[in-house]
Amino acid sequence: MISSLGRDEVKAGLSAGTIILVDVREPHEFAMGRIPGAVSRPLSQLDLSDIPEAEGKRIVLSCVAGVRSMQAAMVARSQGVGVDAHYAGGFRDWIMAGEPVEQG
């Protein structure tokens, strides 16, 4: 089962260093704006085998609004990667709440 996390849970996990937020949007989307600390692994070429410092941390997938991140969770599971959560509101929820964004 894939858990749907909210913004507060994602923020807390990032702050505590207990999660790795993996953004599955395409590179041009990621470059335009992203949640600080997120790493890019586009769904179109998803390979989670090289996630940095994943040991002991929970991998949480994110996209624009939760659709691609749920798809990515299924792909990850088929690759044998232990993903059990995604950010249901995604980047859109993050921006709408006025949270900080990185660009470039």
Protein backbone atom coordinates (compact mmCIF):
# COMPACT_ATOMS: atom_id res chain seq x y z
CA MET A 1 0.00 0.00 0.00
CA ILE A 2 1.21 3.49 -0.85
CA SER A 3 0.61 6.12 1.84
CA SER A 4 -0.49 9.59 0.80
CA LEU A 5 1.41 12.19 2.81
CA GLY A 6 0.36 15.78 3.30
CA ARG A 7 2.49 18.91 3.18
CA ASP A 8 3.09 19.01 6.94
CA GLU A 9 4.38 15.43 6.96
CA VAL A 10 6.69 16.13 4.02
CA LYS A 11 8.00 19.34 5.62
CA ALA A 12 8.63 17.58 8.92
CA GLY A 13 10.45 14.70 7.23
CA LEU A 14 12.63 17.03 5.17
CA SER A 15 13.42 19.14 8.22
CA ALA A 16 14.29 16.10 10.33
CA GLY A 17 16.29 14.49 7.54
CA THR A 18 14.21 11.32 7.71
CA ILE A 19 12.95 11.36 4.11
CA ILE A 20 14.35 11.73 0.64
CA LEU A 21 11.87 13.58 -1.55
CA VAL A 22 12.10 12.31 -5.12
CA ASP A 23 10.51 14.58 -7.72
CA VAL A 24 9.33 12.52 -10.71
CA ARG A 25 8.42 15.46 -12.95
CA GLU A 26 10.35 15.97 -16.17
CA PRO A 27 13.66 17.92 -16.10
CA HIS A 28 12.21 21.16 -17.52
CA GLU A 29 9.49 21.14 -14.83
CA PHE A 30 12.05 20.46 -12.09
CA ALA A 31 14.29 23.32 -13.34
CA MET A 32 11.39 25.79 -13.28
CA GLY A 33 10.78 25.17 -9.59
CA ARG A 34 11.06 22.47 -6.97
CA ILE A 35 10.66 21.78 -3.29
CA PRO A 36 14.00 22.55 -1.58
CA GLY A 37 16.00 19.39 -1.07
CA ALA A 38 14.13 17.33 -3.66
CA VAL A 39 16.10 15.13 -6.05
CA SER A 40 15.07 14.65 -9.67
CA ARG A 41 14.24 11.23 -11.10
CA PRO A 42 11.85 11.77 -14.06
CA LEU A 43 9.07 9.21 -14.40
CA SER A 44 9.84 8.81 -18.12
CA GLN A 45 13.21 7.23 -17.21
CA LEU A 46 12.64 6.26 -13.60
CA ASP A 47 15.52 4.49 -11.92
CA LEU A 48 15.57 4.73 -8.15
CA SER A 49 18.54 2.43 -7.68
CA ASP A 50 20.95 5.33 -7.26
CA ILE A 51 19.08 7.47 -4.74
CA PRO A 52 21.75 9.11 -2.56
CA GLU A 53 21.78 8.35 1.15
CA ALA A 54 18.58 6.31 0.96
CA GLU A 55 19.65 3.88 3.64
CA GLY A 56 17.68 4.50 6.79
CA LYS A 57 15.50 7.16 5.15
CA ARG A 58 12.01 6.93 3.75
CA ILE A 59 11.72 7.58 0.01
CA VAL A 60 8.75 9.85 -0.72
CA LEU A 61 7.76 10.53 -4.32
CA SER A 62 6.38 13.85 -5.54
CA CYS A 63 5.09 15.39 -8.78
CA VAL A 64 2.69 18.22 -9.64
CA ALA A 65 -0.47 16.90 -7.99
CA GLY A 66 0.04 13.27 -6.97
CA VAL A 67 -0.84 11.37 -10.15
CA ARG A 68 2.65 10.70 -11.55
CA SER A 69 4.08 10.11 -8.09
CA MET A 70 1.57 7.30 -7.55
CA GLN A 71 2.49 5.84 -10.97
CA ALA A 72 6.16 6.12 -10.04
CA ALA A 73 5.51 4.26 -6.79
CA MET A 74 4.15 1.33 -8.78
CA VAL A 75 7.20 1.41 -11.10
CA ALA A 76 9.51 1.55 -8.08
CA ARG A 77 7.85 -1.45 -6.54
CA SER A 78 8.27 -3.36 -9.81
CA GLN A 79 12.00 -2.47 -9.61
CA GLY A 80 12.15 -3.85 -6.09
CA VAL A 81 12.62 -0.42 -4.47
CA GLY A 82 10.89 -0.03 -1.11
CA VAL A 83 8.74 3.01 -1.77
CA ASP A 84 5.64 3.26 0.40
CA ALA A 85 4.69 6.95 0.25
CA HIS A 86 4.01 9.89 -2.02
CA TYR A 87 3.18 13.56 -1.49
CA ALA A 88 -0.47 13.58 -2.50
CA GLY A 89 -0.75 17.34 -3.07
CA GLY A 90 2.58 17.61 -4.82
CA PHE A 91 4.29 20.75 -6.03
CA ARG A 92 1.00 22.52 -6.70
CA ASP A 93 -0.03 22.16 -3.04
CA TRP A 94 3.43 23.32 -1.93
CA ILE A 95 3.25 26.50 -4.04
CA MET A 96 -0.38 27.27 -3.14
CA ALA A 97 0.62 27.21 0.54
CA GLY A 98 3.37 29.77 -0.10
CA GLU A 99 6.21 27.41 0.79
CA PRO A 100 9.76 28.19 -0.42
CA VAL A 101 10.81 27.02 -3.89
CA GLU A 102 14.22 26.43 -5.47
CA GLN A 103 14.84 27.18 -9.15
CA GLY A 104 17.56 26.48 -11.67
